[in-house]
Amino acid sequence: MMRPVKMIGALLCVGALVSACADVPGEGGGAAGGKGVAIAQVVPTLGYVTLDTARAFNTFADEGIEAEHVQLSGGDPAALAALDSGDVDFAAVGSEAPLLALAEGGGDYQVVYSLMGQMSLDLVVSKAFMDKAGVSPTDPLEERLAALEGARFGVSALGGAQERTSKWLAQQGGLDPEEDIEVLNAGPPPALLAGMDNDRIDAFLLTAPNGAIAEKAGYGQVLVRLAAEIDELAGFDHLVLVTRKDFAAQEPEKVTKVVRALNSANEMILDQPGDVAAKLQSTAYEDVPTDIMTESVQGLAPGVQDKGAVTEEGMSHVIEFTAKTGEPTVRELEAASGEGDWWTNQFVQKAG
């Protein structure tokens, strides 16, 4: 039977302490007035390369916006809770989170931007576990996934995208996700890396550069590159920017300016990946070697090439993926009829 879920680490900030975790003070701090906007995020990961770049180069200032970054713990639900309460104006979350909340009748959300238009997670497994399971990255995909039986998966927050994806991959390998793998709350990416290095977890799902870091250190190996190897995850609006419908209606110009600032960051990622990698390395990823940082930014670039446009196909993929990971109620949402309601491209179009 599946072993009990355990806490083996801590996240960066206490979710309730929103103001204490903000690292860039802004005018407005979650209120609709002034020039300020507050953007909540839970897991600090390069999957949010658009936000990282916009902050590093302060493209928000070019639009007359003062952006406050609010780092929370507690998984994507904590970011949505902060959005509900009005403590923040936007939440950068996994795309499944607002869909789950909407399907359950909670929140009045609107997805206004696709931050990552492909599944950005890689499956990284410890060398020790791979040796014990007798599996390698060159084996057929089905064999690699079946070999995950008994693996201890570390996640940054229980109930989030990492846990759902872990269970989905187990299903694809013919395993029972409730019985054949163990999910441990290990903390943010540095804690996941340390947990694998110290043999407290066998696997994790994170965006680059974490897999390359584990490989370079010699204790881990990227076993599956999800977007490259699994077709249905290639056109997948993985990470999104969400706001409240009332905020979008009351502050359309502010939303448009935020979108335009993010698009400016995306242009840098696509046109100057080396410069972006160097800037991010100097501001937030100091311990990542230059070559790994550059490769990571280049590898994520295809996910930001559509100027943040959300697609009906991408949302359909998210609905089906979320339903398969144990939340069938999301099938009540329809991507086609949801356009203009719980997701929209009106701000992307206005931003040009």
Protein backbone atom coordinates (compact mmCIF):
# COMPACT_ATOMS: atom_id res chain seq x y z
CA MET A 1 0.00 0.00 0.00
CA MET A 2 1.02 3.58 -0.50
CA ARG A 3 2.99 4.90 2.45
CA PRO A 4 1.58 7.93 4.28
CA VAL A 5 2.31 11.39 2.91
CA LYS A 6 5.02 13.08 4.95
CA MET A 7 6.39 16.59 5.25
CA ILE A 8 10.14 16.49 4.74
CA GLY A 9 10.85 20.16 4.13
CA ALA A 10 9.44 23.65 4.26
CA LEU A 11 8.55 26.19 1.62
CA LEU A 12 9.95 29.67 1.41
CA CYS A 13 7.22 31.74 3.04
CA VAL A 14 4.10 31.27 5.10
CA GLY A 15 1.17 31.67 2.73
CA ALA A 16 -0.83 33.95 4.99
CA LEU A 17 2.04 36.41 5.30
CA VAL A 18 1.58 37.95 1.89
CA SER A 19 3.21 41.28 2.59
CA ALA A 20 6.18 39.68 4.36
CA CYS A 21 7.00 37.62 1.29
CA ALA A 22 6.79 40.44 -1.24
CA ASP A 23 10.20 41.45 -2.54
CA VAL A 24 9.32 44.44 -4.71
CA PRO A 25 7.16 47.07 -3.03
CA GLY A 26 4.52 48.54 -5.26
CA GLU A 27 1.93 51.25 -5.08
CA GLY A 28 -1.46 49.65 -4.76
CA GLY A 29 -0.27 46.30 -3.29
CA GLY A 30 -3.30 44.27 -4.29
CA ALA A 31 -5.73 47.19 -4.50
CA ALA A 32 -7.09 48.24 -7.88
CA GLY A 33 -6.00 51.87 -7.55
CA GLY A 34 -2.70 53.56 -8.35
CA LYS A 35 0.04 52.24 -10.61
CA GLY A 36 0.72 49.09 -8.65
CA VAL A 37 -0.20 45.49 -9.26
CA ALA A 38 0.55 42.53 -7.03
CA ILE A 39 1.31 39.19 -8.71
CA ALA A 40 1.29 36.04 -6.59
CA GLN A 41 3.41 33.00 -7.35
CA VAL A 42 4.01 29.81 -5.39
CA VAL A 43 6.84 27.72 -6.80
CA PRO A 44 9.95 29.69 -7.84
CA THR A 45 10.75 27.96 -11.12
CA LEU A 46 12.13 28.93 -14.52
CA GLY A 47 8.86 27.74 -16.03
CA TYR A 48 7.81 31.28 -15.15
CA VAL A 49 10.65 32.59 -17.32
CA THR A 50 8.39 35.32 -18.71
CA LEU A 51 7.72 36.71 -15.24
CA ASP A 52 11.36 36.28 -14.22
CA THR A 53 12.49 38.21 -17.28
CA ALA A 54 9.88 40.94 -16.88
CA ARG A 55 11.01 41.48 -13.29
CA ALA A 56 14.73 41.29 -14.08
CA PHE A 57 14.51 43.85 -16.89
CA ASN A 58 11.58 45.72 -15.30
CA THR A 59 9.52 45.79 -18.46
CA PHE A 60 6.59 46.70 -16.21
CA ALA A 61 8.12 50.14 -15.69
CA ASP A 62 8.10 50.71 -19.45
CA GLU A 63 4.30 50.44 -19.22
CA GLY A 64 4.05 52.71 -16.18
CA ILE A 65 3.31 49.75 -13.89
CA GLU A 66 4.86 49.06 -10.49
CA ALA A 67 4.80 45.29 -10.06
CA GLU A 68 4.96 43.66 -6.65
CA HIS A 69 6.10 40.04 -6.59
CA VAL A 70 4.36 38.05 -3.86
CA GLN A 71 5.96 34.67 -3.11
CA LEU A 72 3.61 32.31 -1.28
CA SER A 73 3.64 28.80 0.10
CA GLY A 74 0.77 26.33 0.17
CA GLY A 75 0.44 25.49 -3.51
CA ASP A 76 -1.58 27.17 -6.23
CA PRO A 77 -4.73 27.23 -4.05
CA ALA A 78 -2.91 29.71 -1.78
CA ALA A 79 -2.32 32.02 -4.74
CA LEU A 80 -5.97 31.79 -5.74
CA ALA A 81 -7.02 32.46 -2.15
CA ALA A 82 -4.90 35.61 -2.14
CA LEU A 83 -6.57 36.59 -5.41
CA ASP A 84 -10.02 35.96 -3.92
CA SER A 85 -9.26 38.10 -0.88
CA GLY A 86 -8.01 41.01 -2.96
CA ASP A 87 -4.50 40.80 -1.49
CA VAL A 88 -3.15 40.35 -5.02
CA ASP A 89 -4.40 41.31 -8.46
CA PHE A 90 -2.98 38.38 -10.43
CA ALA A 91 -1.98 34.80 -9.71
CA ALA A 92 0.66 32.95 -11.73
CA VAL A 93 -0.41 29.32 -11.38
CA GLY A 94 -0.61 25.95 -13.03
CA SER A 95 -3.49 25.97 -15.48
CA GLU A 96 -5.31 23.16 -13.69
CA ALA A 97 -5.76 25.23 -10.52
CA PRO A 98 -8.34 27.77 -11.73
CA LEU A 99 -10.16 25.09 -13.72
CA LEU A 100 -10.52 22.92 -10.62
CA ALA A 101 -11.77 25.88 -8.60
CA LEU A 102 -14.25 26.87 -11.29
CA ALA A 103 -15.53 23.31 -11.65
CA GLU A 104 -16.14 23.21 -7.91
CA GLY A 105 -18.06 26.49 -8.05
CA GLY A 106 -15.37 28.53 -6.36
CA GLY A 107 -13.89 31.83 -7.50
CA ASP A 108 -14.80 34.11 -10.35
CA TYR A 109 -11.57 33.79 -12.32
CA GLN A 110 -10.44 34.69 -15.78
CA VAL A 111 -7.31 33.33 -17.45
CA VAL A 112 -5.81 36.30 -19.31
CA TYR A 113 -2.38 35.06 -20.39
CA SER A 114 -0.54 31.84 -21.15
CA LEU A 115 2.82 32.06 -19.40
CA MET A 116 4.05 28.71 -20.73
CA GLY A 117 2.38 27.18 -23.79
CA GLN A 118 3.92 23.72 -23.36
CA MET A 119 4.34 21.31 -20.49
CA SER A 120 7.60 22.55 -19.00
CA LEU A 121 8.18 19.79 -16.45
CA ASP A 122 10.85 17.12 -16.85
CA LEU A 123 10.80 13.84 -14.92
CA VAL A 124 14.07 13.56 -13.02
CA VAL A 125 14.97 10.30 -11.26
CA SER A 126 17.88 9.51 -8.98
CA LYS A 127 20.73 7.43 -10.36
CA ALA A 128 20.34 5.05 -7.41
CA PHE A 129 16.68 4.41 -8.20
CA MET A 130 17.37 3.97 -11.89
CA ASP A 131 20.05 1.39 -11.13
CA LYS A 132 17.72 -0.47 -8.79
CA ALA A 133 14.84 -0.36 -11.31
CA GLY A 134 17.09 -1.32 -14.19
CA VAL A 135 15.88 1.51 -16.42
CA SER A 136 17.61 4.14 -18.56
CA PRO A 137 16.59 7.22 -20.60
CA THR A 138 17.05 5.23 -23.82
CA ASP A 139 14.39 2.64 -22.95
CA PRO A 140 10.92 2.87 -24.55
CA LEU A 141 8.70 5.41 -22.82
CA GLU A 142 6.26 2.77 -21.54
CA GLU A 143 9.09 0.86 -19.86
CA ARG A 144 10.48 3.98 -18.24
CA LEU A 145 7.10 4.86 -16.77
CA ALA A 146 6.36 1.31 -15.61
CA ALA A 147 9.72 1.31 -13.80
CA LEU A 148 8.46 4.09 -11.48
CA GLU A 149 6.77 1.50 -9.24
CA GLY A 150 7.80 2.18 -5.64
CA ALA A 151 9.27 5.61 -6.40
CA ARG A 152 9.13 8.36 -3.79
CA PHE A 153 8.09 11.53 -5.64
CA GLY A 154 8.99 14.83 -4.07
CA VAL A 155 6.64 17.77 -4.70
CA SER A 156 6.64 21.42 -3.72
CA ALA A 157 3.04 21.35 -2.53
CA LEU A 158 0.52 18.57 -2.11
CA GLY A 159 -2.45 18.70 -4.46
CA GLY A 160 -0.63 20.79 -7.05
CA ALA A 161 0.46 20.25 -10.62
CA GLN A 162 3.54 18.25 -9.65
CA GLU A 163 1.52 15.70 -7.71
CA ARG A 164 -1.15 15.43 -10.40
CA THR A 165 1.47 14.98 -13.10
CA SER A 166 3.30 12.35 -11.03
CA LYS A 167 0.11 10.34 -10.72
CA TRP A 168 -0.74 10.82 -14.39
CA LEU A 169 2.66 9.48 -15.43
CA ALA A 170 2.19 6.48 -13.13
CA GLN A 171 -1.13 5.80 -14.85
CA GLN A 172 0.55 5.94 -18.26
CA GLY A 173 2.97 3.30 -17.02
CA GLY A 174 0.16 0.97 -16.00
CA LEU A 175 0.60 1.68 -12.29
CA ASP A 176 -1.91 2.49 -9.58
CA PRO A 177 -1.01 6.06 -8.61
CA GLU A 178 -2.53 5.66 -5.15
CA GLU A 179 -0.72 2.42 -4.34
CA ASP A 180 2.42 2.19 -6.46
CA ILE A 181 4.09 5.55 -5.87
CA GLU A 182 4.59 7.70 -2.79
CA VAL A 183 4.20 11.48 -2.80
CA LEU A 184 6.18 13.55 -0.29
CA ASN A 185 5.91 17.28 0.37
CA ALA A 186 9.57 18.19 0.04
CA GLY A 187 9.50 21.95 -0.55
CA PRO A 188 10.74 24.30 -3.29
CA PRO A 189 13.21 23.26 -6.00
CA PRO A 190 16.38 23.55 -3.85
CA ALA A 191 14.78 21.23 -1.29
CA LEU A 192 13.81 18.75 -4.00
CA LEU A 193 17.37 18.68 -5.32
CA ALA A 194 18.75 18.23 -1.82
CA GLY A 195 16.19 15.54 -1.08
CA MET A 196 17.31 13.53 -4.11
CA ASP A 197 20.98 14.06 -3.32
CA ASN A 198 20.38 12.75 0.21
CA ASP A 199 18.24 9.78 -0.91
CA ARG A 200 15.04 11.08 0.70
CA ILE A 201 13.20 11.13 -2.62
CA ASP A 202 13.65 9.14 -5.83
CA ALA A 203 11.99 11.44 -8.36
CA PHE A 204 10.66 14.92 -8.96
CA LEU A 205 9.01 16.91 -11.74
CA LEU A 206 10.54 20.31 -12.30
CA THR A 207 11.35 22.70 -15.09
CA ALA A 208 14.88 23.24 -16.34
CA PRO A 209 17.53 23.90 -15.12
CA ASN A 210 16.89 21.49 -12.25
CA GLY A 211 17.29 18.28 -14.24
CA ALA A 212 20.58 19.47 -15.71
CA ILE A 213 21.79 20.49 -12.24
CA ALA A 214 21.05 17.00 -10.88
CA GLU A 215 22.81 15.43 -13.86
CA LYS A 216 25.89 17.64 -13.51
CA ALA A 217 26.09 16.83 -9.79
CA GLY A 218 25.89 13.13 -10.61
CA TYR A 219 22.95 12.04 -8.46
CA GLY A 220 20.05 12.44 -10.94
CA GLN A 221 19.06 11.95 -14.56
CA VAL A 222 16.29 13.36 -16.74
CA LEU A 223 14.26 10.23 -17.49
CA VAL A 224 11.39 11.79 -19.49
CA ARG A 225 11.12 15.17 -21.22
CA LEU A 226 7.36 15.48 -21.11
CA ALA A 227 6.67 18.07 -23.83
CA ALA A 228 9.14 16.47 -26.25
CA GLU A 229 8.04 12.88 -25.72
CA ILE A 230 4.30 13.01 -25.01
CA ASP A 231 2.28 14.55 -27.83
CA GLU A 232 -0.71 15.68 -25.79
CA LEU A 233 1.55 17.71 -23.51
CA ALA A 234 3.28 19.63 -26.31
CA GLY A 235 0.33 21.97 -27.05
CA PHE A 236 -0.60 22.53 -23.42
CA ASP A 237 -1.16 25.87 -21.68
CA HIS A 238 0.81 24.72 -18.66
CA LEU A 239 1.24 27.94 -16.66
CA VAL A 240 -1.19 30.85 -16.81
CA LEU A 241 -1.84 34.29 -15.41
CA VAL A 242 -5.24 34.58 -13.74
CA THR A 243 -7.16 37.54 -12.42
CA ARG A 244 -10.66 38.13 -11.08
CA LYS A 245 -13.36 39.01 -13.57
CA ASP A 246 -14.29 42.12 -11.62
CA PHE A 247 -10.69 43.35 -11.65
CA ALA A 248 -10.42 42.73 -15.41
CA ALA A 249 -13.66 44.64 -15.96
CA GLN A 250 -12.68 47.55 -13.70
CA GLU A 251 -9.02 47.83 -14.76
CA PRO A 252 -8.80 46.73 -18.41
CA GLU A 253 -5.97 49.15 -19.21
CA LYS A 254 -3.92 47.92 -16.28
CA VAL A 255 -4.40 44.31 -17.36
CA THR A 256 -3.42 45.24 -20.91
CA LYS A 257 -0.26 46.99 -19.69
CA VAL A 258 0.75 43.95 -17.66
CA VAL A 259 0.23 41.76 -20.73
CA ARG A 260 2.27 44.13 -22.88
CA ALA A 261 5.09 44.09 -20.31
CA LEU A 262 5.09 40.30 -20.36
CA ASN A 263 5.18 40.28 -24.15
CA SER A 264 8.21 42.58 -24.09
CA ALA A 265 9.90 40.02 -21.86
CA ASN A 266 8.97 37.22 -24.26
CA GLU A 267 10.52 39.11 -27.16
CA MET A 268 13.78 39.27 -25.22
CA ILE A 269 13.64 35.54 -24.49
CA LEU A 270 13.13 34.74 -28.17
CA ASP A 271 15.58 37.30 -29.61
CA GLN A 272 18.27 37.48 -26.92
CA PRO A 273 18.25 34.20 -24.97
CA GLY A 274 21.90 34.55 -24.00
CA ASP A 275 21.40 38.03 -22.56
CA VAL A 276 18.27 36.90 -20.72
CA ALA A 277 20.08 33.88 -19.29
CA ALA A 278 22.95 36.06 -18.09
CA LYS A 279 20.58 38.56 -16.45
CA LEU A 280 18.52 35.87 -14.74
CA GLN A 281 21.66 34.14 -13.56
CA SER A 282 22.90 37.34 -11.95
CA THR A 283 19.58 38.17 -10.29
CA ALA A 284 17.94 34.90 -9.27
CA TYR A 285 19.90 31.83 -10.39
CA GLU A 286 23.43 32.61 -9.20
CA ASP A 287 24.32 28.97 -8.56
CA VAL A 288 23.35 27.75 -12.04
CA PRO A 289 26.29 27.36 -14.45
CA THR A 290 26.17 29.66 -17.47
CA ASP A 291 25.89 26.90 -20.06
CA ILE A 292 23.01 25.22 -18.22
CA MET A 293 21.20 28.53 -17.77
CA THR A 294 21.48 29.39 -21.46
CA GLU A 295 20.34 25.95 -22.58
CA SER A 296 17.40 26.14 -20.18
CA VAL A 297 16.17 29.50 -21.47
CA GLN A 298 16.52 28.31 -25.08
CA GLY A 299 14.64 25.10 -24.29
CA LEU A 300 11.71 27.02 -22.81
CA ALA A 301 11.54 29.61 -25.60
CA PRO A 302 9.03 27.65 -27.75
CA GLY A 303 6.54 27.91 -24.89
CA VAL A 304 6.48 31.73 -25.03
CA GLN A 305 6.37 32.33 -28.78
CA ASP A 306 2.62 33.02 -29.07
CA LYS A 307 2.55 36.33 -27.17
CA GLY A 308 0.62 34.82 -24.29
CA ALA A 309 -2.36 33.80 -26.38
CA VAL A 310 -4.54 31.15 -24.78
CA THR A 311 -5.93 28.60 -27.23
CA GLU A 312 -9.10 26.57 -27.24
CA GLU A 313 -7.03 23.50 -28.06
CA GLY A 314 -4.62 24.19 -25.20
CA MET A 315 -7.46 24.64 -22.72
CA SER A 316 -9.10 21.45 -23.98
CA HIS A 317 -5.86 19.58 -23.30
CA VAL A 318 -5.77 21.01 -19.78
CA ILE A 319 -9.38 19.98 -19.11
CA GLU A 320 -8.75 16.41 -20.29
CA PHE A 321 -5.43 16.12 -18.45
CA THR A 322 -7.00 17.36 -15.20
CA ALA A 323 -9.94 14.98 -15.57
CA LYS A 324 -7.56 12.05 -16.05
CA THR A 325 -5.70 12.93 -12.86
CA GLY A 326 -8.74 12.30 -10.73
CA GLU A 327 -10.87 15.42 -11.16
CA PRO A 328 -13.57 14.44 -13.71
CA THR A 329 -15.80 17.38 -12.72
CA VAL A 330 -13.63 19.68 -14.84
CA ARG A 331 -15.20 18.11 -17.94
CA GLU A 332 -18.22 20.26 -17.13
CA LEU A 333 -16.13 23.16 -18.41
CA GLU A 334 -15.98 23.56 -22.17
CA ALA A 335 -13.02 25.34 -23.71
CA ALA A 336 -15.04 26.66 -26.65
CA SER A 337 -17.85 28.18 -24.61
CA GLY A 338 -15.37 29.37 -21.99
CA GLU A 339 -13.78 31.92 -24.31
CA GLY A 340 -14.72 35.39 -23.14
CA ASP A 341 -15.88 33.95 -19.85
CA TRP A 342 -13.27 32.06 -17.83
CA TRP A 343 -10.53 32.59 -20.40
CA THR A 344 -9.94 35.40 -22.85
CA ASN A 345 -7.45 36.78 -25.37
CA GLN A 346 -8.94 40.27 -25.39
CA PHE A 347 -6.01 41.73 -23.45
CA VAL A 348 -3.43 39.92 -25.58
CA GLN A 349 -5.12 41.36 -28.66
CA LYS A 350 -5.24 44.87 -27.16
CA ALA A 351 -1.59 44.66 -26.21
CA GLY A 352 -0.67 44.00 -29.84
